[in-house]
Protein backbone atom coordinates (compact mmCIF):
# COMPACT_ATOMS: atom_id res chain seq x y z
CA MET A 1 52.28 18.34 182.21
CA SER A 2 54.11 16.01 184.61
CA ARG A 3 54.06 12.28 183.89
CA LEU A 4 50.60 10.78 184.57
CA PHE A 5 51.70 7.18 184.68
CA GLY A 6 53.45 5.84 187.75
CA THR A 7 54.95 2.44 188.52
CA ASP A 8 51.60 0.76 187.95
CA GLY A 9 49.35 2.87 185.72
CA VAL A 10 47.54 6.11 186.49
CA ARG A 11 46.52 6.43 190.12
CA GLY A 12 45.06 9.13 192.34
CA LEU A 13 42.10 10.36 194.35
CA ALA A 14 38.95 9.29 192.49
CA ASN A 15 37.08 12.36 191.23
CA GLY A 16 40.03 14.43 192.43
CA GLU A 17 43.07 13.79 190.25
CA LEU A 18 41.39 10.83 188.54
CA THR A 19 38.19 12.23 187.02
CA ALA A 20 35.64 10.90 184.55
CA ASP A 21 36.98 13.40 182.00
CA LEU A 22 40.48 12.01 182.37
CA ALA A 23 39.17 8.45 182.07
CA VAL A 24 37.35 9.31 178.83
CA GLY A 25 40.51 10.94 177.50
CA LEU A 26 42.70 7.99 178.43
CA GLY A 27 40.23 5.63 176.77
CA GLU A 28 40.27 7.70 173.58
CA ALA A 29 44.06 7.95 173.52
CA ALA A 30 44.60 4.25 174.22
CA ALA A 31 42.13 3.29 171.49
CA ARG A 32 43.82 5.56 168.99
CA LEU A 33 47.28 4.23 169.79
CA ILE A 34 46.62 0.54 170.44
CA GLY A 35 43.35 -0.08 168.65
CA GLY A 36 44.84 1.00 165.37
CA GLY A 37 41.61 1.09 163.36
CA PRO A 38 39.70 -1.82 161.82
CA ARG A 39 41.17 -5.33 161.97
CA GLU A 40 42.28 -7.34 158.96
CA ASP A 41 38.95 -9.17 159.01
CA GLY A 42 37.11 -5.86 158.84
CA GLY A 43 35.87 -5.99 162.42
CA LYS A 44 36.56 -3.39 165.05
CA PRO A 45 39.34 -3.81 167.62
CA ARG A 46 38.05 -5.04 170.98
CA ALA A 47 38.75 -4.00 174.56
CA ILE A 48 37.76 -5.43 177.92
CA ILE A 49 37.33 -3.43 181.13
CA GLY A 50 37.43 -4.89 184.62
CA ARG A 51 37.30 -3.16 188.00
CA ASP A 52 37.69 -3.84 191.68
CA THR A 53 34.95 -3.16 194.23
CA ARG A 54 35.47 0.57 194.87
CA ILE A 55 32.33 2.62 194.40
CA SER A 56 34.24 5.02 192.14
CA GLY A 57 35.03 2.15 189.79
CA GLU A 58 31.49 2.28 188.48
CA PHE A 59 31.65 5.77 186.98
CA LEU A 60 35.23 5.27 185.79
CA ASP A 61 34.17 2.02 184.10
CA HIS A 62 31.47 3.82 182.13
CA ALA A 63 33.78 6.74 181.33
CA LEU A 64 36.50 4.48 179.96
CA ALA A 65 33.96 2.52 177.93
CA ALA A 66 32.71 5.80 176.46
CA GLY A 67 36.21 6.90 175.52
CA LEU A 68 37.12 3.58 173.94
CA ALA A 69 33.84 3.11 172.05
CA SER A 70 33.77 6.69 170.80
CA SER A 71 37.17 6.01 169.26
CA GLY A 72 36.03 2.94 167.36
CA MET A 73 36.68 0.03 169.74
CA ASP A 74 34.09 -2.53 170.73
CA VAL A 75 34.07 -2.85 174.51
CA VAL A 76 33.11 -5.68 176.86
CA ARG A 77 32.72 -4.64 180.49
CA ILE A 78 33.42 -7.68 182.67
CA GLY A 79 32.53 -6.22 186.07
CA VAL A 80 34.30 -6.91 189.37
CA VAL A 81 37.39 -9.05 188.77
CA THR A 82 41.07 -9.12 189.68
CA THR A 83 43.89 -7.48 187.74
CA PRO A 84 45.27 -10.92 186.76
CA THR A 85 41.86 -11.77 185.29
CA VAL A 86 42.17 -8.89 182.84
CA ALA A 87 45.77 -9.83 182.05
CA HIS A 88 44.81 -13.47 181.45
CA LEU A 89 41.91 -12.66 179.13
CA THR A 90 43.99 -10.15 177.18
CA ALA A 91 46.60 -12.86 176.72
CA SER A 92 44.35 -15.82 176.00
CA GLU A 93 41.53 -14.41 173.87
CA ASP A 94 42.44 -13.93 170.21
CA ASP A 95 40.00 -11.07 169.71
CA VAL A 96 41.01 -8.93 172.70
CA ASP A 97 43.37 -6.12 171.68
CA LEU A 98 43.38 -4.10 174.88
CA GLY A 99 42.70 -4.82 178.54
CA VAL A 100 41.89 -2.18 181.13
CA MET A 101 41.76 -2.65 184.90
CA ILE A 102 40.31 -0.01 187.19
CA SER A 103 41.92 -0.37 190.60
CA ALA A 104 44.19 1.37 193.08
CA SER A 105 45.42 -2.00 194.35
CA HIS A 106 46.22 -1.80 198.09
CA ASN A 107 45.44 1.95 198.36
CA PRO A 108 42.54 3.22 200.49
CA MET A 109 39.01 3.16 199.06
CA ALA A 110 39.00 6.85 198.07
CA ASP A 111 41.78 6.30 195.52
CA ASN A 112 41.47 4.55 192.20
CA GLY A 113 43.61 3.82 189.18
CA ILE A 114 43.71 2.70 185.56
CA LYS A 115 46.06 0.02 184.21
CA PHE A 116 46.34 -0.92 180.54
CA PHE A 117 47.32 -4.31 179.11
CA ALA A 118 48.34 -4.80 175.48
CA ARG A 119 47.63 -7.90 173.41
CA GLY A 120 49.42 -10.81 175.04
CA GLY A 121 48.53 -9.64 178.55
CA PHE A 122 51.54 -7.39 179.09
CA LYS A 123 51.52 -4.06 180.89
CA LEU A 124 52.48 -1.20 178.63
CA ALA A 125 56.08 -0.07 178.36
CA ASP A 126 56.95 3.39 179.69
CA ALA A 127 57.35 4.74 176.15
CA VAL A 128 53.85 3.57 175.16
CA GLU A 129 52.33 5.14 178.26
CA ASP A 130 54.07 8.39 177.35
CA GLN A 131 52.55 8.20 173.86
CA ILE A 132 49.07 7.79 175.36
CA GLN A 133 49.62 10.83 177.56
CA ALA A 134 50.86 12.85 174.57
CA LEU A 135 47.60 12.14 172.72
CA LEU A 136 45.40 13.51 175.52
CA GLY A 137 43.44 16.54 174.37
CA GLN A 138 44.68 16.43 170.77
CA SER A 139 42.20 17.13 167.98
CA TRP A 140 41.55 14.26 165.60
CA ASP A 141 38.97 12.93 163.16
CA ARG A 142 36.62 10.91 165.33
CA PRO A 143 34.65 8.03 163.81
CA THR A 144 30.95 8.59 163.28
CA GLY A 145 27.95 6.49 162.33
CA ALA A 146 28.76 2.81 162.15
CA GLY A 147 32.41 3.59 162.86
CA VAL A 148 31.92 3.92 166.62
CA GLY A 149 32.23 0.91 168.88
CA GLU A 150 29.58 -1.07 170.76
CA VAL A 151 29.54 -1.62 174.52
CA ASP A 152 28.48 -4.93 176.07
CA TYR A 153 28.53 -6.48 179.56
CA ASP A 154 29.51 -10.11 180.26
CA ASP A 155 30.95 -11.09 183.62
CA ASP A 156 30.11 -14.82 183.51
CA TRP A 157 32.46 -15.45 180.60
CA ALA A 158 35.36 -13.72 182.32
CA GLU A 159 34.93 -15.52 185.64
CA LYS A 160 34.57 -18.96 184.06
CA SER A 161 37.62 -18.57 181.81
CA TYR A 162 39.85 -17.30 184.59
CA VAL A 163 38.88 -19.91 187.20
CA GLU A 164 39.37 -22.73 184.68
CA HIS A 165 42.80 -21.33 183.89
CA LEU A 166 43.79 -21.24 187.56
CA VAL A 167 42.67 -24.80 188.28
CA GLU A 168 44.52 -26.07 185.22
CA SER A 169 47.63 -24.19 186.30
CA VAL A 170 47.87 -25.88 189.71
CA GLY A 171 47.55 -29.27 188.00
CA THR A 172 46.71 -31.33 191.08
CA SER A 173 43.91 -31.80 193.59
CA LEU A 174 44.27 -29.79 196.78
CA ALA A 175 41.92 -32.06 198.73
CA GLY A 176 42.95 -32.20 202.36
CA VAL A 177 44.50 -28.72 202.44
CA ARG A 178 42.69 -26.11 204.54
CA ILE A 179 43.36 -22.48 203.64
CA ALA A 180 42.21 -19.31 205.42
CA VAL A 181 41.62 -16.57 202.85
CA ASP A 182 41.35 -12.80 203.42
CA CYS A 183 39.86 -11.27 200.28
CA ALA A 184 40.23 -7.63 201.44
CA ASN A 185 36.61 -7.02 200.33
CA GLY A 186 38.13 -6.57 196.89
CA GLY A 187 38.18 -8.06 193.43
CA ALA A 188 38.97 -11.58 194.66
CA SER A 189 35.99 -11.78 197.03
CA ALA A 190 34.21 -14.25 194.76
CA LEU A 191 37.00 -15.44 192.48
CA GLY A 192 39.53 -16.39 195.16
CA PRO A 193 37.41 -18.79 197.21
CA GLU A 194 35.82 -20.21 194.05
CA ALA A 195 39.15 -21.06 192.42
CA LEU A 196 40.57 -22.63 195.59
CA ARG A 197 37.45 -24.73 196.13
CA GLU A 198 37.36 -25.80 192.49
CA ALA A 199 40.90 -27.06 192.99
CA GLY A 200 39.70 -29.13 195.95
CA ALA A 201 40.86 -27.07 198.94
CA ASP A 202 38.88 -26.55 202.14
CA VAL A 203 38.52 -22.77 202.39
CA VAL A 204 37.81 -20.49 205.36
CA VAL A 205 36.88 -17.03 204.05
CA ILE A 206 36.98 -13.60 205.67
CA ASN A 207 36.45 -10.07 204.33
CA ALA A 208 34.59 -11.17 201.21
CA SER A 209 31.52 -8.91 201.53
CA PRO A 210 32.38 -5.80 199.50
CA ASP A 211 30.04 -2.82 199.72
CA GLY A 212 32.01 -0.38 197.56
CA ARG A 213 33.48 1.35 200.59
CA ASN A 214 35.24 -1.33 202.67
CA ILE A 215 37.97 -2.46 200.25
CA ASN A 216 41.33 -2.87 202.07
CA ASP A 217 39.72 -1.50 205.25
CA LYS A 218 41.60 -3.16 208.13
CA SER A 219 41.87 -6.23 205.93
CA GLY A 220 43.92 -7.89 203.24
CA SER A 221 47.66 -7.86 202.65
CA THR A 222 48.19 -4.47 204.32
CA HIS A 223 46.36 -5.52 207.51
CA PRO A 224 46.97 -9.28 208.05
CA GLU A 225 46.22 -9.29 211.79
CA GLN A 226 42.71 -10.71 211.41
CA LEU A 227 43.94 -13.43 209.06
CA GLN A 228 46.69 -14.39 211.50
CA ALA A 229 44.10 -14.99 214.22
CA VAL A 230 41.66 -16.83 211.93
CA ALA A 231 44.34 -19.12 210.50
CA VAL A 232 45.22 -20.32 214.00
CA ALA A 233 41.61 -20.54 215.26
CA SER A 234 40.37 -22.46 212.21
CA GLY A 235 43.20 -24.99 212.16
CA ALA A 236 44.19 -23.96 208.66
CA ASP A 237 47.36 -25.32 207.09
CA PHE A 238 48.15 -21.73 206.18
CA GLY A 239 46.41 -18.48 205.27
CA VAL A 240 46.64 -15.98 202.42
CA ALA A 241 45.78 -12.29 202.21
CA TYR A 242 45.13 -10.46 198.94
CA ASP A 243 45.08 -6.76 198.20
CA GLY A 244 42.20 -4.94 196.51
CA ASP A 245 42.86 -6.23 192.99
CA ALA A 246 44.53 -9.50 194.09
CA ASP A 247 47.70 -9.10 192.10
CA ARG A 248 49.61 -9.68 195.31
CA CYS A 249 49.46 -12.24 198.09
CA LEU A 250 51.02 -12.49 201.51
CA ALA A 251 50.74 -15.64 203.61
CA VAL A 252 50.67 -16.72 207.25
CA ASP A 253 51.68 -20.14 208.51
CA ARG A 254 49.54 -22.39 210.75
CA HIS A 255 50.90 -20.52 213.78
CA GLY A 256 49.84 -17.14 212.41
CA VAL A 257 53.38 -15.99 211.57
CA LEU A 258 53.50 -13.66 208.56
CA VAL A 259 55.23 -14.93 205.40
CA ASP A 260 56.21 -12.08 203.05
CA GLY A 261 56.80 -12.18 199.32
CA ASP A 262 60.51 -12.89 199.69
CA ARG A 263 59.89 -16.06 201.67
CA ILE A 264 57.07 -17.10 199.33
CA MET A 265 59.36 -16.69 196.32
CA GLY A 266 62.29 -18.40 198.00
CA SER A 267 60.30 -21.49 198.96
CA LEU A 268 58.62 -21.73 195.56
CA ALA A 269 61.99 -21.35 193.82
CA VAL A 270 63.49 -24.31 195.70
CA PHE A 271 60.35 -26.41 195.17
CA MET A 272 60.30 -25.64 191.45
CA ARG A 273 64.05 -26.23 191.12
CA ASP A 274 63.72 -29.64 192.73
CA ALA A 275 60.88 -30.44 190.30
CA GLY A 276 62.93 -29.29 187.31
CA GLN A 277 60.57 -26.35 186.69
CA LEU A 278 62.80 -23.38 187.60
CA ASP A 279 64.20 -22.35 184.24
CA HIS A 280 67.96 -21.68 184.41
CA ASP A 281 67.75 -22.17 188.20
CA THR A 282 67.11 -18.43 188.48
CA LEU A 283 64.76 -16.24 190.53
CA VAL A 284 64.07 -12.63 189.49
CA VAL A 285 63.58 -10.12 192.32
CA THR A 286 63.62 -6.35 192.73
CA VAL A 287 66.14 -4.20 194.55
CA MET A 288 63.74 -4.11 197.52
CA SER A 289 64.02 -7.84 198.24
CA ASN A 290 65.75 -8.50 201.53
CA LEU A 291 69.42 -9.44 201.42
CA GLY A 292 68.46 -12.52 203.42
CA LEU A 293 66.62 -13.89 200.39
CA LEU A 294 69.64 -13.34 198.15
CA HIS A 295 71.87 -15.16 200.64
CA ALA A 296 69.37 -18.04 200.95
CA MET A 297 69.17 -18.42 197.17
CA ARG A 298 72.95 -18.36 196.87
CA ASP A 299 73.27 -21.06 199.51
CA ALA A 300 70.60 -23.14 197.72
CA GLY A 301 72.46 -22.89 194.41
CA ILE A 302 69.84 -20.63 192.83
CA HIS A 303 70.87 -17.55 190.86
CA THR A 304 69.11 -14.20 191.39
CA VAL A 305 68.55 -11.30 188.98
CA GLN A 306 67.55 -7.91 190.42
CA THR A 307 65.38 -5.29 188.71
CA SER A 308 63.80 -1.94 189.48
CA VAL A 309 60.68 -1.90 191.66
CA GLY A 310 57.52 -2.91 189.80
CA ASP A 311 56.29 -6.29 188.64
CA ARG A 312 56.38 -5.23 184.99
CA TYR A 313 60.15 -4.74 185.28
CA VAL A 314 60.39 -8.17 186.87
CA LEU A 315 58.46 -9.62 183.93
CA GLU A 316 60.68 -7.83 181.40
CA ALA A 317 63.75 -9.48 182.94
CA MET A 318 61.98 -12.85 183.04
CA LEU A 319 61.07 -12.66 179.37
CA GLU A 320 64.53 -11.48 178.37
CA GLY A 321 66.29 -14.25 180.27
CA GLY A 322 63.70 -17.00 179.84
CA PHE A 323 63.14 -17.29 183.60
CA ALA A 324 60.11 -18.95 185.18
CA LEU A 325 59.67 -17.25 188.57
CA GLY A 326 60.01 -13.74 189.92
CA GLY A 327 58.36 -11.12 192.04
CA GLU A 328 58.50 -8.58 194.82
CA GLN A 329 58.79 -8.57 198.59
CA SER A 330 55.31 -7.00 198.69
CA GLY A 331 53.76 -10.23 197.40
CA HIS A 332 53.60 -9.73 193.63
CA VAL A 333 54.70 -13.17 192.44
CA ILE A 334 54.86 -13.98 188.72
CA ALA A 335 54.81 -17.60 187.56
CA ARG A 336 55.64 -16.89 183.93
CA HIS A 337 54.37 -20.15 182.47
CA HIS A 338 50.91 -19.34 183.84
CA ALA A 339 50.64 -15.55 184.08
CA THR A 340 51.97 -12.24 182.76
CA THR A 341 51.55 -10.32 186.00
CA GLY A 342 51.55 -10.86 189.74
CA ASP A 343 48.61 -13.08 190.67
CA GLY A 344 47.61 -13.55 194.30
CA ILE A 345 45.14 -16.38 193.71
CA LEU A 346 47.61 -18.29 191.56
CA THR A 347 50.27 -17.81 194.23
CA SER A 348 47.85 -19.28 196.79
CA LEU A 349 47.32 -22.33 194.62
CA LEU A 350 51.04 -22.84 194.08
CA LEU A 351 51.69 -22.59 197.83
CA ALA A 352 48.93 -25.11 198.50
CA ARG A 353 50.37 -27.52 195.92
CA MET A 354 53.81 -27.20 197.52
CA VAL A 355 52.42 -27.88 201.01
CA LYS A 356 50.44 -30.90 199.82
CA GLU A 357 53.09 -32.48 197.63
CA THR A 358 55.90 -32.08 200.17
CA GLY A 359 53.77 -32.96 203.20
CA ARG A 360 55.56 -30.20 205.12
CA ASP A 361 54.29 -27.18 207.04
CA LEU A 362 54.63 -23.81 205.35
CA ALA A 363 56.70 -22.62 208.34
CA ASP A 364 59.19 -25.37 207.63
CA LEU A 365 59.24 -24.71 203.89
CA VAL A 366 60.04 -21.00 204.25
CA GLY A 367 62.23 -21.24 207.35
CA PHE A 368 65.55 -21.28 205.46
CA VAL A 369 65.03 -17.66 204.31
CA ASP A 370 66.32 -15.48 207.15
CA ARG A 371 65.22 -11.87 206.94
CA LEU A 372 67.97 -9.39 207.78
CA PRO A 373 66.93 -6.44 209.98
CA GLN A 374 65.82 -3.56 207.78
CA THR A 375 65.15 0.13 208.34
CA LEU A 376 63.34 2.37 205.85
CA ILE A 377 63.23 6.16 206.27
CA ASN A 378 61.35 8.49 203.91
CA VAL A 379 63.02 11.90 203.60
CA SER A 380 60.58 14.44 202.14
CA GLY A 381 61.02 17.95 200.80
CA VAL A 382 64.24 17.15 198.93
CA ASP A 383 65.54 17.40 195.37
CA LYS A 384 65.27 13.73 194.44
CA THR A 385 66.92 14.34 191.05
CA ARG A 386 70.32 14.79 192.75
CA VAL A 387 70.26 11.58 194.78
CA ASN A 388 72.71 9.91 192.39
CA THR A 389 74.92 12.93 191.67
CA ASP A 390 75.64 14.69 194.97
CA GLU A 391 79.26 13.77 195.75
CA VAL A 392 79.00 14.18 199.52
CA LEU A 393 75.94 11.92 199.65
CA LEU A 394 77.53 9.34 197.36
CA SER A 395 80.62 9.31 199.58
CA ALA A 396 78.45 8.77 202.69
CA VAL A 397 76.71 5.85 200.99
CA ALA A 398 80.04 4.31 199.99
CA ASP A 399 81.35 4.59 203.56
CA ALA A 400 78.18 2.97 204.90
CA GLU A 401 78.47 0.08 202.45
CA ILE A 402 82.08 -0.52 203.50
CA SER A 403 81.12 -0.59 207.18
CA LEU A 404 78.24 -3.02 206.55
CA GLY A 405 80.32 -5.36 204.38
CA ASP A 406 78.65 -8.54 203.13
CA SER A 407 76.21 -8.55 206.06
CA GLY A 408 74.20 -5.54 204.90
CA ARG A 409 73.45 -3.09 202.14
CA VAL A 410 72.21 0.44 201.39
CA LEU A 411 69.57 1.50 198.88
CA LEU A 412 68.49 5.08 198.11
CA ARG A 413 65.40 5.39 195.90
CA SER A 414 63.68 8.48 194.57
CA SER A 415 59.88 8.53 194.74
CA GLY A 416 58.17 8.49 191.38
CA THR A 417 55.50 10.99 192.42
CA GLU A 418 56.77 13.07 195.37
CA PRO A 419 59.84 15.17 196.31
CA LEU A 420 60.97 12.31 198.48
CA VAL A 421 63.95 9.97 198.82
CA ARG A 422 63.65 6.57 200.49
CA VAL A 423 66.65 5.45 202.52
CA MET A 424 66.74 1.70 203.10
CA VAL A 425 69.44 -0.06 205.11
CA GLU A 426 69.82 -3.75 205.95
CA ALA A 427 72.34 -4.92 208.51
CA ALA A 428 73.28 -7.78 210.78
CA THR A 429 71.45 -6.17 213.71
CA GLN A 430 68.47 -3.84 213.98
CA ASP A 431 70.50 -1.31 215.97
CA GLU A 432 73.08 -1.12 213.20
CA ALA A 433 70.41 -0.76 210.50
CA ASP A 434 68.71 2.02 212.49
CA ARG A 435 71.97 3.87 213.10
CA VAL A 436 73.23 3.75 209.51
CA ALA A 437 69.82 4.66 208.06
CA ALA A 438 69.41 7.62 210.40
CA GLY A 439 72.84 8.95 209.48
CA LEU A 440 72.20 8.66 205.76
CA ALA A 441 68.74 10.23 206.12
CA ASP A 442 70.36 13.21 207.84
CA THR A 443 72.84 13.51 204.99
CA VAL A 444 70.06 13.36 202.39
CA LYS A 445 68.16 16.11 204.19
CA GLU A 446 71.26 18.26 204.62
CA ARG A 447 72.44 17.95 201.03
CA LEU A 448 69.21 17.79 199.04
CA THR A 449 66.69 19.98 200.91
CA LEU A 450 64.75 22.15 198.49
């Protein structure tokens, strides 16, 4: 069997690749591996399950609960929440041993996914995910009688705990700040506006009426056009757009200009550095962050550490180095002293605090991060396993890097799920980026075609 787990859990077409049977099996395997039998106090290990607003989340929620409980874990279903809610509760509650989030993030409604969080609120390491997959379908002695777990439902507790945590994290009143919020008809539809208002902000809300089918539909971080118009029309100081499970956030300034994750991270890094809150004066980013961000951080005297794509790899580097801030160009921003995963609502609060405390427009605060022109070409139908070994391709990449010099870069990445190689080039001009990327894409196709 090929690897089930991708960059962010198990994901696929709901009731296609991701079935109720698979969800039951994953629940059983996770309980066996992470639950570990009765606790020291004699009680059963405990899991929580949250989901976004997709209609398929309902049957997957019940299926996971069945798998976990049948394997001896008590389960609390907490209903529609965000991924960071599950991470926070798994980290902050002493009696939660496993967190599960059902979401396909920014994917279309028909998809869904399953993410696991271990005690402490951390996503599982690759090796642990592989162990869960290895347990699927294996025979074992199932608990019976009083040994099986109980299933409960309590969404009020989860919402209250998470919102209180967010308001405490921002640490200041946001009175006087107006924020336009696009909830993507997803998990943040209630939680996002509530947390921002509890912190004192004036909130203008769009796309917060989920019906199970409209998540991410022409809304949220993948479709910010409506937010751009609303931010300008409402006179907002800035706007934010979440994805379906609100672990990411993109912003727009008062003029409706999009602010991506790189610019969000860059501005927050400088603000935190000036406040003495940026540990080791270092920002952690992935290899997909624009070279313009790296140059801006260098010029600001801030170090950068680069990781593989995925916010869990960002967090691993942050924990290893003791760094406070990191994230991805896509809008996953991790403020380590407050969260263990990307958190769109928290990012919104931190942006609002920065705008209020500096008295400056968001456009001004992010303006020092110049984005270099970038071209991304996906080359399909190729042997991605040879992308780092084919000598002709490696020579072409080296020649391209020499021609670009310090004003550009080349990145070739293999897809985790498809026979596909992504060719990304950044350069001083868009024409140069297009030309170099097209040439490398041709070489990839010529050398690696299956």
